[in-house]
Structure formats: C-alpha cells, structure tokens
Amino acid sequence: MASESAGVLLFRYRPAPEVLLVHPGGPFWANRDEGAWSIPKGECGEGEELRDCALRELREELGDPPEIAVDSLIDLGSLCQKSGKVVHAWAAEGDFDPAMLLSNTFKIEWPPRSGREREFPEVDRAEWFDPEGARRKILAAQAVLLDRLLERQGG
C-alpha cells in the first residue's frame, strides 16, 4: 500500500497571487533547485484525519504558520507522485515570513556508511513564488495543485 501524505498550499495576494513552497532539507536535496520544491506536507499517522495531518505538517515544517481553521481549507484533491506516494492537498490564504522558518529536523547516517549520524532540517528554505515561478520550482507531480488553486480562485 502506498504511503499517504497531506499538506497545505498557502497563498496570498501582493496584489497578484503568490504561493509558498518549501525546499527539502538534507544532503540529497542540497544541490537541487528547479523541480525540487514542494508544498509543506508530510506523512499521515495511522487513523489521523487527513486535514488535521495537513495542518500539523504545516506547523512542523514552517514553525509558526498563520492560524488556519480546518473548515476554511480549500480542497485541492489528491495526486500520486513518481514514488507512488499519494498526496492529499488543501489551500489556505495566509501570510508567512520565510525568514521565520523553524522546521523540524531528522537524523540520518551521513556520509553513507560513515557510522556518523547527522541532523538536518526537514525544510531548509521557504519562499513565495508567483504561479509561473512556482511551476518551475515545484515537483512535477505537484504542479497540478497550482492549476487547481488558480482554477478555484478564478484564474
């Protein structure tokens, strides 16, 4: 069975629409930029409601995101990434200062087979993008979320 993740695509108007994307932390993503960014998302716990998971992951990956009520989330549907992971996504209007990013961390053996464990942030950067810029940065499978958001917002 494929794993499931849930996340939130934050958007704002300045005056044109912008979306917040995050860059994954750790050594595997350090030298990747275009096509590597994502919505803030993460794996759902067993029995966890998908929307609750999406909001939890937003907090864990950003540190101090805007308060978002579960009932204000805009359903963007689901997608399947190359890995087989199913991502359930919602959008929410809100603002966040990327300079305030304070992501959870994870540990892995690095360098491989070194016997040394290092700690890395789950997310090492967050940035606001216009839709065109976001399309260049976001993982290919997640680009459909931009289309769905723009469609729901009237273009």
C-alpha atoms as a PDB file:
ATOM      1  CA  MET A   1       0.000   0.000   0.000  1.00  0.00           C
ATOM      2  CA  ALA A   2       1.328   3.436  -0.973  1.00  0.00           C
ATOM      3  CA  SER A   3       2.078   5.875   1.802  1.00  0.00           C
ATOM      4  CA  GLU A   4      -0.146   8.918   2.195  1.00  0.00           C
ATOM      5  CA  SER A   5       0.868  12.492   2.871  1.00  0.00           C
ATOM      6  CA  ALA A   6      -1.174  15.617   3.382  1.00  0.00           C
ATOM      7  CA  GLY A   7      -0.266  19.250   3.019  1.00  0.00           C
ATOM      8  CA  VAL A   8      -1.350  22.857   2.647  1.00  0.00           C
ATOM      9  CA  LEU A   9      -0.557  25.226  -0.199  1.00  0.00           C
ATOM     10  CA  LEU A  10      -0.540  28.704   1.330  1.00  0.00           C
ATOM     11  CA  PHE A  11      -1.414  31.580  -0.978  1.00  0.00           C
ATOM     12  CA  ARG A  12      -1.618  35.352  -0.719  1.00  0.00           C
ATOM     13  CA  TYR A  13      -2.194  38.346  -2.991  1.00  0.00           C
ATOM     14  CA  ARG A  14       0.543  41.028  -3.373  1.00  0.00           C
ATOM     15  CA  PRO A  15      -1.506  42.220  -5.441  1.00  0.00           C
ATOM     16  CA  ALA A  16      -1.083  39.245  -7.811  1.00  0.00           C
ATOM     17  CA  PRO A  17      -1.337  35.709  -6.409  1.00  0.00           C
ATOM     18  CA  GLU A  18       1.698  34.082  -4.783  1.00  0.00           C
ATOM     19  CA  VAL A  19       2.149  30.617  -3.295  1.00  0.00           C
ATOM     20  CA  LEU A  20       4.503  29.423  -0.565  1.00  0.00           C
ATOM     21  CA  LEU A  21       6.744  26.488  -1.412  1.00  0.00           C
ATOM     22  CA  VAL A  22       9.387  24.763   0.707  1.00  0.00           C
ATOM     23  CA  HIS A  23      12.714  23.217  -0.232  1.00  0.00           C
ATOM     24  CA  PRO A  24      13.509  19.855   1.381  1.00  0.00           C
ATOM     25  CA  GLY A  25      16.474  19.807   3.727  1.00  0.00           C
ATOM     26  CA  GLY A  26      19.240  17.270   3.925  1.00  0.00           C
ATOM     27  CA  PRO A  27      22.137  16.253   1.721  1.00  0.00           C
ATOM     28  CA  PHE A  28      20.101  14.572  -1.040  1.00  0.00           C
ATOM     29  CA  TRP A  29      18.396  17.855  -1.967  1.00  0.00           C
ATOM     30  CA  ALA A  30      21.233  20.297  -1.234  1.00  0.00           C
ATOM     31  CA  ASN A  31      22.206  20.867  -4.877  1.00  0.00           C
ATOM     32  CA  ARG A  32      18.731  20.611  -6.409  1.00  0.00           C
ATOM     33  CA  ASP A  33      16.511  23.604  -7.019  1.00  0.00           C
ATOM     34  CA  GLU A  34      14.183  23.626 -10.015  1.00  0.00           C
ATOM     35  CA  GLY A  35      11.731  20.758  -9.758  1.00  0.00           C
ATOM     36  CA  ALA A  36      12.656  20.057  -6.136  1.00  0.00           C
ATOM     37  CA  TRP A  37      10.346  22.339  -4.120  1.00  0.00           C
ATOM     38  CA  SER A  38       7.074  21.179  -2.586  1.00  0.00           C
ATOM     39  CA  ILE A  39       4.032  22.266  -0.676  1.00  0.00           C
ATOM     40  CA  PRO A  40       4.545  21.852   3.081  1.00  0.00           C
ATOM     41  CA  LYS A  41       3.383  18.263   3.613  1.00  0.00           C
ATOM     42  CA  GLY A  42       4.174  15.056   5.401  1.00  0.00           C
ATOM     43  CA  GLU A  43       3.129  11.533   6.194  1.00  0.00           C
ATOM     44  CA  CYS A  44      -0.149  10.883   7.927  1.00  0.00           C
ATOM     45  CA  GLY A  45      -0.233   8.917  11.140  1.00  0.00           C
ATOM     46  CA  GLU A  46      -2.397   5.831  11.399  1.00  0.00           C
ATOM     47  CA  GLY A  47      -6.003   6.901  11.940  1.00  0.00           C
ATOM     48  CA  GLU A  48      -5.128  10.611  11.609  1.00  0.00           C
ATOM     49  CA  GLU A  49      -7.652  12.747   9.739  1.00  0.00           C
ATOM     50  CA  LEU A  50      -6.096  13.992   6.504  1.00  0.00           C
ATOM     51  CA  ARG A  51      -6.925  17.685   7.054  1.00  0.00           C
ATOM     52  CA  ASP A  52      -5.562  17.504  10.611  1.00  0.00           C
ATOM     53  CA  CYS A  53      -2.381  15.941   9.248  1.00  0.00           C
ATOM     54  CA  ALA A  54      -2.050  18.710   6.650  1.00  0.00           C
ATOM     55  CA  LEU A  55      -2.279  21.433   9.313  1.00  0.00           C
ATOM     56  CA  ARG A  56       0.106  19.571  11.660  1.00  0.00           C
ATOM     57  CA  GLU A  57       2.657  19.237   8.878  1.00  0.00           C
ATOM     58  CA  LEU A  58       2.330  22.929   8.053  1.00  0.00           C
ATOM     59  CA  ARG A  59       3.257  23.738  11.679  1.00  0.00           C
ATOM     60  CA  GLU A  60       6.098  21.192  11.779  1.00  0.00           C
ATOM     61  CA  GLU A  61       7.674  22.363   8.544  1.00  0.00           C
ATOM     62  CA  LEU A  62       7.291  26.127   8.986  1.00  0.00           C
ATOM     63  CA  GLY A  63       7.462  26.557  12.754  1.00  0.00           C
ATOM     64  CA  ASP A  64       4.931  29.368  13.193  1.00  0.00           C
ATOM     65  CA  PRO A  65       2.491  29.463  10.280  1.00  0.00           C
ATOM     66  CA  PRO A  66      -0.664  31.571  10.243  1.00  0.00           C
ATOM     67  CA  GLU A  67      -3.649  30.191  12.148  1.00  0.00           C
ATOM     68  CA  ILE A  68      -5.868  28.292   9.761  1.00  0.00           C
ATOM     69  CA  ALA A  69      -9.236  26.827  10.656  1.00  0.00           C
ATOM     70  CA  VAL A  70      -9.872  23.321   9.341  1.00  0.00           C
ATOM     71  CA  ASP A  71     -13.200  24.420   7.863  1.00  0.00           C
ATOM     72  CA  SER A  72     -11.517  27.221   5.843  1.00  0.00           C
ATOM     73  CA  LEU A  73      -9.321  24.828   3.853  1.00  0.00           C
ATOM     74  CA  ILE A  74      -9.926  24.662   0.097  1.00  0.00           C
ATOM     75  CA  ASP A  75      -9.806  21.077  -1.157  1.00  0.00           C
ATOM     76  CA  LEU A  76      -7.295  20.653  -3.992  1.00  0.00           C
ATOM     77  CA  GLY A  77      -7.782  16.899  -4.264  1.00  0.00           C
ATOM     78  CA  SER A  78      -5.133  14.209  -4.396  1.00  0.00           C
ATOM     79  CA  LEU A  79      -2.276  13.240  -6.672  1.00  0.00           C
ATOM     80  CA  CYS A  80       0.178  10.385  -6.984  1.00  0.00           C
ATOM     81  CA  GLN A  81       3.902  11.151  -7.089  1.00  0.00           C
ATOM     82  CA  LYS A  82       6.501   9.087  -9.006  1.00  0.00           C
ATOM     83  CA  SER A  83       7.359   7.216  -5.800  1.00  0.00           C
ATOM     84  CA  GLY A  84       3.765   6.019  -5.547  1.00  0.00           C
ATOM     85  CA  LYS A  85       3.079   8.270  -2.566  1.00  0.00           C
ATOM     86  CA  VAL A  86      -0.428   9.740  -2.560  1.00  0.00           C
ATOM     87  CA  VAL A  87      -0.553  13.415  -1.577  1.00  0.00           C
ATOM     88  CA  HIS A  88      -3.812  14.985  -0.361  1.00  0.00           C
ATOM     89  CA  ALA A  89      -3.728  18.761  -0.585  1.00  0.00           C
ATOM     90  CA  TRP A  90      -5.656  21.806   0.551  1.00  0.00           C
ATOM     91  CA  ALA A  91      -5.080  25.509   0.025  1.00  0.00           C
ATOM     92  CA  ALA A  92      -5.421  28.292   2.550  1.00  0.00           C
ATOM     93  CA  GLU A  93      -4.970  32.028   2.356  1.00  0.00           C
ATOM     94  CA  GLY A  94      -2.391  33.284   4.804  1.00  0.00           C
ATOM     95  CA  ASP A  95       0.929  35.026   5.178  1.00  0.00           C
ATOM     96  CA  PHE A  96       4.256  33.720   6.433  1.00  0.00           C
ATOM     97  CA  ASP A  97       7.673  35.347   6.659  1.00  0.00           C
ATOM     98  CA  PRO A  98      10.208  32.859   5.235  1.00  0.00           C
ATOM     99  CA  ALA A  99      12.879  34.399   7.490  1.00  0.00           C
ATOM    100  CA  MET A 100      10.927  32.926  10.435  1.00  0.00           C
ATOM    101  CA  LEU A 101      11.242  29.328   9.156  1.00  0.00           C
ATOM    102  CA  LEU A 102      11.854  26.872  12.003  1.00  0.00           C
ATOM    103  CA  SER A 103      11.474  23.353  10.661  1.00  0.00           C
ATOM    104  CA  ASN A 104      11.533  20.039  12.492  1.00  0.00           C
ATOM    105  CA  THR A 105      14.683  18.003  11.959  1.00  0.00           C
ATOM    106  CA  PHE A 106      15.551  14.402  11.077  1.00  0.00           C
ATOM    107  CA  LYS A 107      18.663  12.261  11.580  1.00  0.00           C
ATOM    108  CA  ILE A 108      20.438  10.063   9.054  1.00  0.00           C
ATOM    109  CA  GLU A 109      23.825   8.437   8.724  1.00  0.00           C
ATOM    110  CA  TRP A 110      25.916  10.920   6.757  1.00  0.00           C
ATOM    111  CA  PRO A 111      28.087  10.438   4.843  1.00  0.00           C
ATOM    112  CA  PRO A 112      26.730   6.999   3.941  1.00  0.00           C
ATOM    113  CA  ARG A 113      28.437   4.071   5.694  1.00  0.00           C
ATOM    114  CA  SER A 114      30.421   6.507   7.874  1.00  0.00           C
ATOM    115  CA  GLY A 115      28.855   5.408  11.135  1.00  0.00           C
ATOM    116  CA  ARG A 116      28.161   9.079  11.941  1.00  0.00           C
ATOM    117  CA  GLU A 117      24.633  10.348  12.407  1.00  0.00           C
ATOM    118  CA  ARG A 118      23.843  13.928  11.416  1.00  0.00           C
ATOM    119  CA  GLU A 119      20.770  16.046  11.942  1.00  0.00           C
ATOM    120  CA  PHE A 120      19.161  18.061   9.131  1.00  0.00           C
ATOM    121  CA  PRO A 121      16.059  20.288   8.896  1.00  0.00           C
ATOM    122  CA  GLU A 122      13.068  18.747   7.112  1.00  0.00           C
ATOM    123  CA  VAL A 123      12.807  22.041   5.220  1.00  0.00           C
ATOM    124  CA  ASP A 124      15.810  24.300   4.665  1.00  0.00           C
ATOM    125  CA  ARG A 125      14.081  27.162   2.820  1.00  0.00           C
ATOM    126  CA  ALA A 126      10.629  28.607   2.221  1.00  0.00           C
ATOM    127  CA  GLU A 127       9.838  31.167  -0.426  1.00  0.00           C
ATOM    128  CA  TRP A 128       6.877  32.913  -2.039  1.00  0.00           C
ATOM    129  CA  PHE A 129       6.553  32.487  -5.818  1.00  0.00           C
ATOM    130  CA  ASP A 130       4.248  33.828  -8.483  1.00  0.00           C
ATOM    131  CA  PRO A 131       2.458  30.984 -10.327  1.00  0.00           C
ATOM    132  CA  GLU A 132       4.992  30.947 -13.186  1.00  0.00           C
ATOM    133  CA  GLY A 133       7.969  30.807 -10.832  1.00  0.00           C
ATOM    134  CA  ALA A 134       6.260  28.173  -8.682  1.00  0.00           C
ATOM    135  CA  ARG A 135       5.699  25.993 -11.751  1.00  0.00           C
ATOM    136  CA  ARG A 136       9.470  25.942 -12.412  1.00  0.00           C
ATOM    137  CA  LYS A 137      10.362  25.144  -8.797  1.00  0.00           C
ATOM    138  CA  ILE A 138       7.695  22.629  -7.718  1.00  0.00           C
ATOM    139  CA  LEU A 139       7.978  18.847  -8.091  1.00  0.00           C
ATOM    140  CA  ALA A 140       6.433  17.903 -11.447  1.00  0.00           C
ATOM    141  CA  ALA A 141       3.627  15.816  -9.921  1.00  0.00           C
ATOM    142  CA  GLN A 142       2.589  18.688  -7.626  1.00  0.00           C
ATOM    143  CA  ALA A 143       2.269  21.275 -10.437  1.00  0.00           C
ATOM    144  CA  VAL A 144      -1.367  20.226 -10.851  1.00  0.00           C
ATOM    145  CA  LEU A 145      -2.039  21.767  -7.410  1.00  0.00           C
ATOM    146  CA  LEU A 146      -1.143  25.198  -8.793  1.00  0.00           C
ATOM    147  CA  ASP A 147      -3.615  24.723 -11.646  1.00  0.00           C
ATOM    148  CA  ARG A 148      -6.341  23.566  -9.264  1.00  0.00           C
ATOM    149  CA  LEU A 149      -5.803  26.539  -6.933  1.00  0.00           C
ATOM    150  CA  LEU A 150      -5.829  29.075  -9.766  1.00  0.00           C
ATOM    151  CA  GLU A 151      -8.956  27.471 -11.226  1.00  0.00           C
ATOM    152  CA  ARG A 152     -10.758  27.676  -7.876  1.00  0.00           C
ATOM    153  CA  GLN A 153      -9.661  31.296  -7.454  1.00  0.00           C
ATOM    154  CA  GLY A 154     -10.983  32.287 -10.854  1.00  0.00           C
ATOM    155  CA  GLY A 155      -7.808  32.154 -12.919  1.00  0.00           C
END
